[in-house]
Amino acid sequence: MDKSGKGCTAYDIIINPAFYQKTESDPVFMGFFITVVFDGLEQKYNITLDRNFSRLKRKKAIGQATEQMIRTSKRPVIMEMDRQEESGVNRGLVQEIAKEEHENRAPQPEHVIYREPASGKPQFMVLEVRLPGVQSSRQMTLDVGEDRVVLETAGKAMFFLDIDLAYYVNSSKIEARFNRNTKVLTVTLPVQKT
């Protein structure tokens, strides 16, 4: 309920205290921040809010603030390895699926796609790309969509790979590792269940 006794909807917004102190010291910055908050709420909930508001100066929250989880930074898309590590794929049960050739500005690297299990719909696929001359994963740009992988390298060893996948993959659960000793990029591609 608001001051007049009318029902109202409250939206909890959690702000880092150090950031909030910065906004309090500059009225223009605070105005910009409040505008961003209003725009975010309106877009998220598909509503129109009345921009006439008042800040509660002596209250940090109305009701009880709930505990929040803070996301940690994600690990890099491509992890570097100094020594040969087993990928966990049983090579006896794995078979190669077709690779396509594309004309591009840089040569296409040698690559192989394995699937596990070898028969039926796979649970995941493993793409191995040989990248001779590439020194670090920082020289690579790897983009993986639901049914496509695009890899481009920069520097002295330039390669370009653009392949369509036989199955849709869960692009949010993909793992990539670059072995600096063997110069092989291994990309594990979990296949979508449906």
C-alpha atoms as a PDB file:
ATOM      1  CA  MET A   1       0.000   0.000   0.000  1.00  0.00           C
ATOM      2  CA  ASP A   2       1.164   3.505  -0.714  1.00  0.00           C
ATOM      3  CA  LYS A   3       0.777   6.576   1.582  1.00  0.00           C
ATOM      4  CA  SER A   4      -2.811   7.144   0.471  1.00  0.00           C
ATOM      5  CA  GLY A   5      -3.796   3.525   1.208  1.00  0.00           C
ATOM      6  CA  LYS A   6      -4.037   2.475  -2.444  1.00  0.00           C
ATOM      7  CA  GLY A   7      -2.628  -0.849  -3.550  1.00  0.00           C
ATOM      8  CA  CYS A   8       0.614  -0.702  -5.509  1.00  0.00           C
ATOM      9  CA  THR A   9       3.253  -2.998  -6.940  1.00  0.00           C
ATOM     10  CA  ALA A  10       6.803  -2.812  -5.603  1.00  0.00           C
ATOM     11  CA  TYR A  11       9.842  -3.917  -7.618  1.00  0.00           C
ATOM     12  CA  ASP A  12      13.004  -4.894  -5.748  1.00  0.00           C
ATOM     13  CA  ILE A  13      16.173  -3.564  -7.313  1.00  0.00           C
ATOM     14  CA  ILE A  14      19.473  -4.632  -5.840  1.00  0.00           C
ATOM     15  CA  ILE A  15      22.403  -2.287  -6.364  1.00  0.00           C
ATOM     16  CA  ASN A  16      26.042  -2.585  -5.384  1.00  0.00           C
ATOM     17  CA  PRO A  17      26.556  -0.147  -2.477  1.00  0.00           C
ATOM     18  CA  ALA A  18      29.770   1.339  -3.913  1.00  0.00           C
ATOM     19  CA  PHE A  19      28.025   1.999  -7.241  1.00  0.00           C
ATOM     20  CA  TYR A  20      25.019   3.516  -5.484  1.00  0.00           C
ATOM     21  CA  GLN A  21      27.269   5.920  -3.540  1.00  0.00           C
ATOM     22  CA  LYS A  22      28.653   7.157  -6.871  1.00  0.00           C
ATOM     23  CA  THR A  23      25.142   7.861  -8.122  1.00  0.00           C
ATOM     24  CA  GLU A  24      24.235   9.764  -4.934  1.00  0.00           C
ATOM     25  CA  SER A  25      27.173  12.143  -5.346  1.00  0.00           C
ATOM     26  CA  ASP A  26      26.071  13.295  -8.821  1.00  0.00           C
ATOM     27  CA  PRO A  27      22.400  14.240  -9.461  1.00  0.00           C
ATOM     28  CA  VAL A  28      22.811  13.904 -13.241  1.00  0.00           C
ATOM     29  CA  PHE A  29      24.254  10.402 -12.878  1.00  0.00           C
ATOM     30  CA  MET A  30      21.457   9.487 -10.450  1.00  0.00           C
ATOM     31  CA  GLY A  31      18.858  10.722 -12.944  1.00  0.00           C
ATOM     32  CA  PHE A  32      20.456   8.638 -15.689  1.00  0.00           C
ATOM     33  CA  PHE A  33      20.584   5.588 -13.428  1.00  0.00           C
ATOM     34  CA  ILE A  34      16.907   5.939 -12.417  1.00  0.00           C
ATOM     35  CA  THR A  35      15.950   6.257 -16.112  1.00  0.00           C
ATOM     36  CA  VAL A  36      17.841   3.051 -16.913  1.00  0.00           C
ATOM     37  CA  VAL A  37      16.099   1.258 -14.023  1.00  0.00           C
ATOM     38  CA  PHE A  38      12.648   2.404 -15.187  1.00  0.00           C
ATOM     39  CA  ASP A  39      13.399   1.434 -18.802  1.00  0.00           C
ATOM     40  CA  GLY A  40      14.659  -1.995 -17.702  1.00  0.00           C
ATOM     41  CA  LEU A  41      11.555  -2.694 -15.625  1.00  0.00           C
ATOM     42  CA  GLU A  42       9.231  -1.524 -18.405  1.00  0.00           C
ATOM     43  CA  GLN A  43      10.948  -3.721 -20.987  1.00  0.00           C
ATOM     44  CA  LYS A  44      11.209  -6.790 -18.730  1.00  0.00           C
ATOM     45  CA  TYR A  45       7.597  -6.743 -17.528  1.00  0.00           C
ATOM     46  CA  ASN A  46       6.036  -5.067 -20.599  1.00  0.00           C
ATOM     47  CA  ILE A  47       4.508  -2.284 -18.494  1.00  0.00           C
ATOM     48  CA  THR A  48       4.439   1.513 -18.417  1.00  0.00           C
ATOM     49  CA  LEU A  49       5.510   3.091 -15.130  1.00  0.00           C
ATOM     50  CA  ASP A  50       4.624   6.519 -13.807  1.00  0.00           C
ATOM     51  CA  ARG A  51       7.915   8.449 -13.756  1.00  0.00           C
ATOM     52  CA  ASN A  52       6.747  10.491 -10.757  1.00  0.00           C
ATOM     53  CA  PHE A  53       8.563   8.804  -7.864  1.00  0.00           C
ATOM     54  CA  SER A  54      10.134   9.535  -4.512  1.00  0.00           C
ATOM     55  CA  ARG A  55      13.207   7.944  -2.977  1.00  0.00           C
ATOM     56  CA  LEU A  56      12.993   6.557   0.542  1.00  0.00           C
ATOM     57  CA  LYS A  57      15.891   8.222   2.330  1.00  0.00           C
ATOM     58  CA  ARG A  58      15.754   6.410   5.661  1.00  0.00           C
ATOM     59  CA  LYS A  59      14.657   2.975   4.434  1.00  0.00           C
ATOM     60  CA  LYS A  60      16.887   0.627   2.504  1.00  0.00           C
ATOM     61  CA  ALA A  61      13.989  -1.681   1.630  1.00  0.00           C
ATOM     62  CA  ILE A  62      10.283  -2.149   2.164  1.00  0.00           C
ATOM     63  CA  GLY A  63       9.774  -5.506   3.803  1.00  0.00           C
ATOM     64  CA  GLN A  64      12.594  -8.018   4.100  1.00  0.00           C
ATOM     65  CA  ALA A  65      15.409  -8.085   1.536  1.00  0.00           C
ATOM     66  CA  THR A  66      15.996 -11.657   0.370  1.00  0.00           C
ATOM     67  CA  GLU A  67      19.401 -13.238  -0.061  1.00  0.00           C
ATOM     68  CA  GLN A  68      20.714 -12.972  -3.617  1.00  0.00           C
ATOM     69  CA  MET A  69      23.143 -15.030  -5.688  1.00  0.00           C
ATOM     70  CA  ILE A  70      25.856 -13.140  -7.520  1.00  0.00           C
ATOM     71  CA  ARG A  71      27.060 -14.643 -10.768  1.00  0.00           C
ATOM     72  CA  THR A  72      30.751 -15.251 -11.036  1.00  0.00           C
ATOM     73  CA  SER A  73      32.623 -14.654 -14.241  1.00  0.00           C
ATOM     74  CA  LYS A  74      32.552 -17.494 -16.725  1.00  0.00           C
ATOM     75  CA  ARG A  75      35.669 -19.378 -17.617  1.00  0.00           C
ATOM     76  CA  PRO A  76      37.128 -18.585 -21.021  1.00  0.00           C
ATOM     77  CA  VAL A  77      35.449 -20.185 -24.016  1.00  0.00           C
ATOM     78  CA  ILE A  78      38.757 -21.792 -25.001  1.00  0.00           C
ATOM     79  CA  MET A  79      40.916 -23.241 -22.240  1.00  0.00           C
ATOM     80  CA  GLU A  80      44.623 -23.794 -22.890  1.00  0.00           C
ATOM     81  CA  MET A  81      46.397 -27.023 -21.912  1.00  0.00           C
ATOM     82  CA  ASP A  82      50.147 -27.456 -21.608  1.00  0.00           C
ATOM     83  CA  ARG A  83      50.163 -31.230 -21.892  1.00  0.00           C
ATOM     84  CA  GLN A  84      48.148 -33.852 -23.699  1.00  0.00           C
ATOM     85  CA  GLU A  85      44.972 -34.601 -21.714  1.00  0.00           C
ATOM     86  CA  GLU A  86      42.488 -37.329 -22.418  1.00  0.00           C
ATOM     87  CA  SER A  87      39.196 -35.985 -23.743  1.00  0.00           C
ATOM     88  CA  GLY A  88      37.243 -38.913 -22.273  1.00  0.00           C
ATOM     89  CA  VAL A  89      36.072 -40.080 -25.691  1.00  0.00           C
ATOM     90  CA  ASN A  90      36.401 -43.804 -26.396  1.00  0.00           C
ATOM     91  CA  ARG A  91      37.972 -43.763 -29.870  1.00  0.00           C
ATOM     92  CA  GLY A  92      36.885 -47.386 -30.494  1.00  0.00           C
ATOM     93  CA  LEU A  93      33.241 -46.306 -30.457  1.00  0.00           C
ATOM     94  CA  VAL A  94      33.718 -43.099 -32.385  1.00  0.00           C
ATOM     95  CA  GLN A  95      33.351 -42.574 -36.096  1.00  0.00           C
ATOM     96  CA  GLU A  96      34.040 -39.625 -38.351  1.00  0.00           C
ATOM     97  CA  ILE A  97      31.166 -37.662 -39.854  1.00  0.00           C
ATOM     98  CA  ALA A  98      31.429 -35.749 -43.096  1.00  0.00           C
ATOM     99  CA  LYS A  99      33.360 -32.508 -43.307  1.00  0.00           C
ATOM    100  CA  GLU A 100      32.612 -29.783 -45.824  1.00  0.00           C
ATOM    101  CA  GLU A 101      35.049 -27.678 -47.805  1.00  0.00           C
ATOM    102  CA  HIS A 102      34.484 -23.927 -48.088  1.00  0.00           C
ATOM    103  CA  GLU A 103      36.305 -21.295 -50.082  1.00  0.00           C
ATOM    104  CA  ASN A 104      37.554 -18.597 -47.730  1.00  0.00           C
ATOM    105  CA  ARG A 105      40.236 -15.984 -47.409  1.00  0.00           C
ATOM    106  CA  ALA A 106      42.433 -18.303 -45.293  1.00  0.00           C
ATOM    107  CA  PRO A 107      43.057 -22.035 -45.727  1.00  0.00           C
ATOM    108  CA  GLN A 108      40.764 -24.486 -43.991  1.00  0.00           C
ATOM    109  CA  PRO A 109      42.555 -26.395 -41.227  1.00  0.00           C
ATOM    110  CA  GLU A 110      42.584 -30.178 -41.043  1.00  0.00           C
ATOM    111  CA  HIS A 111      39.676 -31.252 -38.836  1.00  0.00           C
ATOM    112  CA  VAL A 112      37.672 -34.307 -37.801  1.00  0.00           C
ATOM    113  CA  ILE A 113      34.294 -34.643 -36.067  1.00  0.00           C
ATOM    114  CA  TYR A 114      33.676 -37.660 -33.855  1.00  0.00           C
ATOM    115  CA  ARG A 115      30.354 -38.674 -32.380  1.00  0.00           C
ATOM    116  CA  GLU A 116      29.519 -40.561 -29.199  1.00  0.00           C
ATOM    117  CA  PRO A 117      27.904 -43.064 -29.295  1.00  0.00           C
ATOM    118  CA  ALA A 118      28.917 -44.067 -32.796  1.00  0.00           C
ATOM    119  CA  SER A 119      25.461 -45.396 -33.781  1.00  0.00           C
ATOM    120  CA  GLY A 120      22.075 -43.746 -33.389  1.00  0.00           C
ATOM    121  CA  LYS A 121      21.667 -40.157 -32.284  1.00  0.00           C
ATOM    122  CA  PRO A 122      24.831 -39.038 -30.483  1.00  0.00           C
ATOM    123  CA  GLN A 123      24.852 -37.524 -26.994  1.00  0.00           C
ATOM    124  CA  PHE A 124      27.724 -35.286 -28.035  1.00  0.00           C
ATOM    125  CA  MET A 125      30.158 -34.643 -30.863  1.00  0.00           C
ATOM    126  CA  VAL A 126      33.841 -33.792 -30.598  1.00  0.00           C
ATOM    127  CA  LEU A 127      35.484 -31.520 -33.159  1.00  0.00           C
ATOM    128  CA  GLU A 128      39.277 -31.748 -33.365  1.00  0.00           C
ATOM    129  CA  VAL A 129      41.041 -29.049 -35.384  1.00  0.00           C
ATOM    130  CA  ARG A 130      44.775 -29.112 -36.143  1.00  0.00           C
ATOM    131  CA  LEU A 131      46.202 -25.592 -36.057  1.00  0.00           C
ATOM    132  CA  PRO A 132      49.940 -25.747 -36.816  1.00  0.00           C
ATOM    133  CA  GLY A 133      51.682 -22.476 -36.073  1.00  0.00           C
ATOM    134  CA  VAL A 134      48.985 -21.140 -33.724  1.00  0.00           C
ATOM    135  CA  GLN A 135      50.627 -20.236 -30.411  1.00  0.00           C
ATOM    136  CA  SER A 136      47.695 -19.363 -28.160  1.00  0.00           C
ATOM    137  CA  SER A 137      43.902 -19.417 -27.910  1.00  0.00           C
ATOM    138  CA  ARG A 138      44.075 -15.607 -27.934  1.00  0.00           C
ATOM    139  CA  GLN A 139      44.713 -15.856 -31.675  1.00  0.00           C
ATOM    140  CA  MET A 140      41.342 -17.599 -32.206  1.00  0.00           C
ATOM    141  CA  THR A 141      37.744 -16.558 -32.609  1.00  0.00           C
ATOM    142  CA  LEU A 142      35.342 -19.459 -32.098  1.00  0.00           C
ATOM    143  CA  ASP A 143      31.615 -19.033 -32.745  1.00  0.00           C
ATOM    144  CA  VAL A 144      29.285 -21.982 -32.203  1.00  0.00           C
ATOM    145  CA  GLY A 145      25.613 -21.835 -33.099  1.00  0.00           C
ATOM    146  CA  GLU A 146      22.980 -24.529 -32.857  1.00  0.00           C
ATOM    147  CA  ASP A 147      24.070 -26.182 -36.100  1.00  0.00           C
ATOM    148  CA  ARG A 148      27.246 -24.414 -37.170  1.00  0.00           C
ATOM    149  CA  VAL A 149      30.854 -23.869 -36.074  1.00  0.00           C
ATOM    150  CA  VAL A 150      32.983 -20.962 -37.310  1.00  0.00           C
ATOM    151  CA  LEU A 151      36.650 -20.731 -36.317  1.00  0.00           C
ATOM    152  CA  GLU A 152      39.069 -18.044 -37.424  1.00  0.00           C
ATOM    153  CA  THR A 153      42.686 -17.563 -36.404  1.00  0.00           C
ATOM    154  CA  ALA A 154      44.843 -14.459 -36.655  1.00  0.00           C
ATOM    155  CA  GLY A 155      48.577 -13.918 -36.752  1.00  0.00           C
ATOM    156  CA  LYS A 156      51.174 -15.757 -38.834  1.00  0.00           C
ATOM    157  CA  ALA A 157      49.137 -18.980 -38.952  1.00  0.00           C
ATOM    158  CA  MET A 158      45.801 -17.956 -40.443  1.00  0.00           C
ATOM    159  CA  PHE A 159      42.989 -20.483 -40.805  1.00  0.00           C
ATOM    160  CA  PHE A 160      39.261 -20.258 -41.434  1.00  0.00           C
ATOM    161  CA  LEU A 161      36.785 -23.057 -40.722  1.00  0.00           C
ATOM    162  CA  ASP A 162      33.038 -22.813 -41.326  1.00  0.00           C
ATOM    163  CA  ILE A 163      31.164 -26.110 -41.008  1.00  0.00           C
ATOM    164  CA  ASP A 164      27.544 -27.120 -40.643  1.00  0.00           C
ATOM    165  CA  LEU A 165      26.819 -29.742 -37.984  1.00  0.00           C
ATOM    166  CA  ALA A 166      24.717 -32.857 -38.561  1.00  0.00           C
ATOM    167  CA  TYR A 167      22.829 -32.326 -35.280  1.00  0.00           C
ATOM    168  CA  TYR A 168      21.636 -29.322 -33.287  1.00  0.00           C
ATOM    169  CA  VAL A 169      23.900 -28.686 -30.306  1.00  0.00           C
ATOM    170  CA  ASN A 170      23.386 -27.001 -26.951  1.00  0.00           C
ATOM    171  CA  SER A 171      25.592 -23.965 -27.585  1.00  0.00           C
ATOM    172  CA  SER A 172      25.504 -22.864 -23.920  1.00  0.00           C
ATOM    173  CA  LYS A 173      27.262 -26.070 -22.734  1.00  0.00           C
ATOM    174  CA  ILE A 174      30.079 -26.223 -25.262  1.00  0.00           C
ATOM    175  CA  GLU A 175      33.656 -26.668 -24.044  1.00  0.00           C
ATOM    176  CA  ALA A 176      36.785 -25.901 -26.038  1.00  0.00           C
ATOM    177  CA  ARG A 177      40.421 -26.637 -25.197  1.00  0.00           C
ATOM    178  CA  PHE A 178      43.551 -25.739 -27.106  1.00  0.00           C
ATOM    179  CA  ASN A 179      46.645 -27.873 -26.502  1.00  0.00           C
ATOM    180  CA  ARG A 180      49.654 -25.617 -27.099  1.00  0.00           C
ATOM    181  CA  ASN A 181      51.992 -28.604 -27.473  1.00  0.00           C
ATOM    182  CA  THR A 182      50.043 -30.582 -30.080  1.00  0.00           C
ATOM    183  CA  LYS A 183      48.384 -27.472 -31.635  1.00  0.00           C
ATOM    184  CA  VAL A 184      44.986 -29.196 -31.547  1.00  0.00           C
ATOM    185  CA  LEU A 185      41.763 -27.427 -30.635  1.00  0.00           C
ATOM    186  CA  THR A 186      39.182 -29.839 -29.179  1.00  0.00           C
ATOM    187  CA  VAL A 187      35.569 -28.653 -29.062  1.00  0.00           C
ATOM    188  CA  THR A 188      33.008 -30.782 -27.202  1.00  0.00           C
ATOM    189  CA  LEU A 189      29.506 -30.215 -28.592  1.00  0.00           C
ATOM    190  CA  PRO A 190      26.606 -31.632 -26.509  1.00  0.00           C
ATOM    191  CA  VAL A 191      23.731 -32.598 -28.819  1.00  0.00           C
ATOM    192  CA  GLN A 192      20.260 -31.232 -28.025  1.00  0.00           C
ATOM    193  CA  LYS A 193      17.973 -33.906 -26.583  1.00  0.00           C
ATOM    194  CA  THR A 194      14.915 -32.970 -28.667  1.00  0.00           C
END
